[in-house]
N, C-alpha and C. Protein backbone atom coordinates (compact mmCIF):
# COMPACT_ATOMS: atom_id res chain seq x y z
N MET A 1 -51.41 24.81 -26.54
CA MET A 1 -50.87 25.84 -25.71
C MET A 1 -50.74 25.31 -24.29
N ASN A 2 -49.56 25.40 -23.76
CA ASN A 2 -49.31 24.91 -22.41
C ASN A 2 -49.64 26.00 -21.40
N THR A 3 -50.45 25.64 -20.50
CA THR A 3 -50.76 26.56 -19.40
C THR A 3 -50.15 25.99 -18.13
N GLN A 4 -50.27 26.72 -17.08
CA GLN A 4 -49.72 26.28 -15.80
C GLN A 4 -50.41 25.01 -15.31
N SER A 5 -51.71 24.87 -15.57
CA SER A 5 -52.43 23.68 -15.12
C SER A 5 -51.99 22.44 -15.89
N ASP A 6 -51.60 22.57 -17.17
CA ASP A 6 -51.10 21.44 -17.94
C ASP A 6 -49.76 20.95 -17.39
N LYS A 7 -48.92 21.85 -16.96
CA LYS A 7 -47.61 21.49 -16.43
C LYS A 7 -47.74 20.77 -15.10
N ASN A 8 -48.74 21.10 -14.32
CA ASN A 8 -48.93 20.44 -13.03
C ASN A 8 -49.45 19.02 -13.20
N LYS A 9 -50.09 18.70 -14.32
CA LYS A 9 -50.62 17.36 -14.55
C LYS A 9 -49.54 16.38 -14.97
N GLU A 10 -48.47 16.87 -15.55
CA GLU A 10 -47.38 15.99 -15.98
C GLU A 10 -46.59 15.51 -14.76
N PRO A 11 -46.30 14.20 -14.70
CA PRO A 11 -45.51 13.72 -13.57
C PRO A 11 -44.08 14.25 -13.65
N LYS A 12 -43.54 14.58 -12.52
CA LYS A 12 -42.18 15.11 -12.49
C LYS A 12 -41.18 13.96 -12.60
N ILE A 13 -39.99 14.30 -13.00
CA ILE A 13 -38.96 13.29 -13.21
C ILE A 13 -38.62 12.60 -11.89
N ILE A 14 -38.57 13.34 -10.83
CA ILE A 14 -38.25 12.75 -9.53
C ILE A 14 -39.34 11.78 -9.11
N THR A 15 -40.59 12.12 -9.37
CA THR A 15 -41.70 11.24 -9.05
C THR A 15 -41.64 9.96 -9.88
N LYS A 16 -41.29 10.08 -11.13
CA LYS A 16 -41.15 8.90 -11.98
C LYS A 16 -40.02 8.01 -11.49
N PHE A 17 -38.91 8.61 -11.11
CA PHE A 17 -37.73 7.84 -10.72
C PHE A 17 -37.95 7.12 -9.39
N PHE A 18 -38.44 7.84 -8.39
CA PHE A 18 -38.63 7.24 -7.07
C PHE A 18 -39.99 6.59 -6.90
N GLY A 19 -40.84 6.68 -7.89
CA GLY A 19 -42.17 6.10 -7.81
C GLY A 19 -42.16 4.58 -7.77
N VAL A 20 -41.10 3.97 -8.29
CA VAL A 20 -41.04 2.51 -8.27
C VAL A 20 -40.89 1.96 -6.86
N ALA A 21 -40.47 2.80 -5.93
CA ALA A 21 -40.29 2.34 -4.55
C ALA A 21 -41.62 2.02 -3.88
N ILE A 22 -42.72 2.49 -4.43
CA ILE A 22 -44.02 2.21 -3.80
C ILE A 22 -44.79 1.13 -4.54
N TRP A 23 -44.25 0.62 -5.65
CA TRP A 23 -44.93 -0.44 -6.38
C TRP A 23 -44.65 -1.78 -5.72
N GLY A 24 -45.65 -2.60 -5.58
CA GLY A 24 -45.47 -3.92 -5.00
C GLY A 24 -44.66 -4.85 -5.89
N GLN A 25 -44.79 -4.68 -7.20
CA GLN A 25 -44.07 -5.54 -8.14
C GLN A 25 -42.56 -5.37 -8.00
N THR A 26 -42.11 -4.21 -7.60
CA THR A 26 -40.67 -3.97 -7.42
C THR A 26 -40.11 -4.92 -6.37
N TYR A 27 -40.82 -5.06 -5.27
CA TYR A 27 -40.35 -5.91 -4.17
C TYR A 27 -40.48 -7.39 -4.51
N LEU A 28 -41.47 -7.75 -5.30
CA LEU A 28 -41.57 -9.13 -5.77
C LEU A 28 -40.40 -9.47 -6.69
N ASN A 29 -40.03 -8.54 -7.54
CA ASN A 29 -38.88 -8.76 -8.43
C ASN A 29 -37.58 -8.89 -7.64
N LEU A 30 -37.41 -8.06 -6.60
CA LEU A 30 -36.22 -8.16 -5.77
C LEU A 30 -36.16 -9.49 -5.03
N LEU A 31 -37.30 -9.95 -4.52
CA LEU A 31 -37.35 -11.23 -3.84
C LEU A 31 -36.99 -12.37 -4.79
N TYR A 32 -37.51 -12.32 -6.01
CA TYR A 32 -37.18 -13.34 -7.01
C TYR A 32 -35.68 -13.35 -7.30
N LEU A 33 -35.09 -12.18 -7.47
CA LEU A 33 -33.66 -12.11 -7.76
C LEU A 33 -32.82 -12.61 -6.59
N LEU A 34 -33.24 -12.30 -5.37
CA LEU A 34 -32.49 -12.76 -4.20
C LEU A 34 -32.58 -14.27 -4.04
N LEU A 35 -33.70 -14.86 -4.40
CA LEU A 35 -33.85 -16.30 -4.31
C LEU A 35 -33.16 -17.02 -5.48
N ALA A 36 -33.11 -16.39 -6.63
CA ALA A 36 -32.52 -17.02 -7.81
C ALA A 36 -30.99 -16.94 -7.81
N PHE A 37 -30.41 -16.00 -7.09
CA PHE A 37 -28.95 -15.84 -7.10
C PHE A 37 -28.21 -17.06 -6.56
N PRO A 38 -28.57 -17.59 -5.37
CA PRO A 38 -27.85 -18.77 -4.88
C PRO A 38 -27.99 -19.99 -5.81
N LEU A 39 -29.14 -20.16 -6.40
CA LEU A 39 -29.34 -21.27 -7.32
C LEU A 39 -28.47 -21.11 -8.56
N GLY A 40 -28.41 -19.92 -9.11
CA GLY A 40 -27.55 -19.66 -10.26
C GLY A 40 -26.08 -19.84 -9.93
N LEU A 41 -25.70 -19.42 -8.73
CA LEU A 41 -24.31 -19.59 -8.30
C LEU A 41 -23.98 -21.07 -8.16
N PHE A 42 -24.91 -21.85 -7.61
CA PHE A 42 -24.70 -23.29 -7.49
C PHE A 42 -24.55 -23.94 -8.86
N TYR A 43 -25.41 -23.59 -9.80
CA TYR A 43 -25.32 -24.14 -11.16
C TYR A 43 -23.98 -23.79 -11.80
N PHE A 44 -23.55 -22.56 -11.63
CA PHE A 44 -22.29 -22.11 -12.22
C PHE A 44 -21.11 -22.91 -11.66
N VAL A 45 -21.06 -23.02 -10.34
CA VAL A 45 -19.95 -23.73 -9.70
C VAL A 45 -19.96 -25.21 -10.10
N LEU A 46 -21.15 -25.81 -10.10
CA LEU A 46 -21.26 -27.22 -10.49
C LEU A 46 -20.77 -27.46 -11.91
N LEU A 47 -21.22 -26.64 -12.84
CA LEU A 47 -20.87 -26.86 -14.24
C LEU A 47 -19.41 -26.54 -14.53
N VAL A 48 -18.90 -25.45 -13.97
CA VAL A 48 -17.49 -25.10 -14.22
C VAL A 48 -16.57 -26.14 -13.60
N THR A 49 -16.87 -26.57 -12.39
CA THR A 49 -16.04 -27.58 -11.74
C THR A 49 -16.12 -28.91 -12.50
N GLY A 50 -17.32 -29.29 -12.89
CA GLY A 50 -17.49 -30.55 -13.60
C GLY A 50 -16.79 -30.58 -14.94
N PHE A 51 -16.94 -29.50 -15.71
CA PHE A 51 -16.27 -29.47 -17.02
C PHE A 51 -14.75 -29.39 -16.88
N SER A 52 -14.27 -28.65 -15.90
CA SER A 52 -12.82 -28.58 -15.68
C SER A 52 -12.27 -29.94 -15.28
N LEU A 53 -12.96 -30.59 -14.38
CA LEU A 53 -12.54 -31.92 -13.95
C LEU A 53 -12.62 -32.91 -15.10
N GLY A 54 -13.68 -32.82 -15.88
CA GLY A 54 -13.84 -33.73 -17.02
C GLY A 54 -12.76 -33.56 -18.06
N PHE A 55 -12.45 -32.32 -18.40
CA PHE A 55 -11.40 -32.08 -19.39
C PHE A 55 -10.02 -32.44 -18.83
N GLY A 56 -9.82 -32.21 -17.53
CA GLY A 56 -8.53 -32.56 -16.92
C GLY A 56 -8.30 -34.05 -16.87
N LEU A 57 -9.37 -34.82 -16.66
CA LEU A 57 -9.24 -36.27 -16.57
C LEU A 57 -9.52 -36.98 -17.90
N LEU A 58 -9.64 -36.22 -18.96
CA LEU A 58 -9.92 -36.80 -20.27
C LEU A 58 -8.80 -37.73 -20.73
N ILE A 59 -7.59 -37.44 -20.33
CA ILE A 59 -6.46 -38.27 -20.73
C ILE A 59 -6.54 -39.66 -20.09
N LEU A 60 -7.23 -39.77 -18.96
CA LEU A 60 -7.38 -41.06 -18.27
C LEU A 60 -8.67 -41.77 -18.65
N TRP A 61 -9.41 -41.25 -19.54
CA TRP A 61 -10.70 -41.77 -20.02
C TRP A 61 -11.80 -41.69 -18.97
N VAL A 62 -11.50 -41.33 -17.77
CA VAL A 62 -12.54 -41.12 -16.76
C VAL A 62 -13.27 -39.82 -17.06
N GLY A 63 -12.55 -38.92 -17.68
CA GLY A 63 -13.12 -37.62 -18.02
C GLY A 63 -14.28 -37.71 -18.99
N VAL A 64 -14.30 -38.74 -19.81
CA VAL A 64 -15.40 -38.91 -20.77
C VAL A 64 -16.71 -39.12 -20.02
N ILE A 65 -16.67 -39.96 -18.97
CA ILE A 65 -17.88 -40.20 -18.17
C ILE A 65 -18.31 -38.93 -17.45
N ILE A 66 -17.35 -38.19 -16.91
CA ILE A 66 -17.67 -36.95 -16.21
C ILE A 66 -18.23 -35.92 -17.19
N LEU A 67 -17.65 -35.82 -18.37
CA LEU A 67 -18.14 -34.86 -19.36
C LEU A 67 -19.55 -35.20 -19.83
N VAL A 68 -19.82 -36.48 -20.02
CA VAL A 68 -21.18 -36.88 -20.40
C VAL A 68 -22.15 -36.53 -19.28
N GLY A 69 -21.75 -36.77 -18.04
CA GLY A 69 -22.60 -36.38 -16.90
C GLY A 69 -22.82 -34.89 -16.84
N MET A 70 -21.79 -34.12 -17.15
CA MET A 70 -21.94 -32.66 -17.13
C MET A 70 -22.83 -32.17 -18.27
N LEU A 71 -22.75 -32.83 -19.41
CA LEU A 71 -23.64 -32.45 -20.51
C LEU A 71 -25.10 -32.74 -20.16
N VAL A 72 -25.33 -33.86 -19.48
CA VAL A 72 -26.69 -34.17 -19.01
C VAL A 72 -27.14 -33.14 -17.97
N ALA A 73 -26.25 -32.79 -17.05
CA ALA A 73 -26.58 -31.78 -16.04
C ALA A 73 -26.84 -30.43 -16.68
N TRP A 74 -26.04 -30.06 -17.69
CA TRP A 74 -26.21 -28.80 -18.40
C TRP A 74 -27.57 -28.79 -19.10
N TRP A 75 -27.92 -29.88 -19.72
CA TRP A 75 -29.21 -29.99 -20.40
C TRP A 75 -30.37 -29.85 -19.40
N ASP A 76 -30.21 -30.48 -18.23
CA ASP A 76 -31.24 -30.40 -17.21
C ASP A 76 -31.38 -28.98 -16.66
N VAL A 77 -30.26 -28.33 -16.42
CA VAL A 77 -30.28 -26.94 -15.93
C VAL A 77 -30.92 -26.04 -16.96
N LEU A 78 -30.61 -26.27 -18.21
CA LEU A 78 -31.16 -25.44 -19.29
C LEU A 78 -32.68 -25.51 -19.32
N PHE A 79 -33.22 -26.72 -19.28
CA PHE A 79 -34.67 -26.85 -19.41
C PHE A 79 -35.42 -26.65 -18.09
N SER A 80 -34.76 -26.85 -16.94
CA SER A 80 -35.45 -26.61 -15.68
C SER A 80 -35.54 -25.11 -15.40
N SER A 81 -34.59 -24.33 -15.84
CA SER A 81 -34.63 -22.88 -15.61
C SER A 81 -35.50 -22.18 -16.64
N ALA A 82 -35.79 -22.82 -17.76
CA ALA A 82 -36.60 -22.20 -18.80
C ALA A 82 -38.09 -22.28 -18.49
N LYS A 83 -38.46 -23.11 -17.54
CA LYS A 83 -39.89 -23.27 -17.22
C LYS A 83 -40.43 -22.10 -16.49
């Protein structure tokens, strides 16, 4: 049986929603995301540019060396970000 005192003990939806603003972990997560964004953007630009250049120069056989370098870079990015 729900009484008035039971209803007051339940957290309200607004308190649940805005309650994360007072948690310290929220700000640590935001800091991590802000620091990880430029690194992810750098990785993306490096890999897309490298693979595009490698495939474009594949007809001259220089692209093979660039593609191998990009595969090594991709492998390094994969395992360095997984740590």
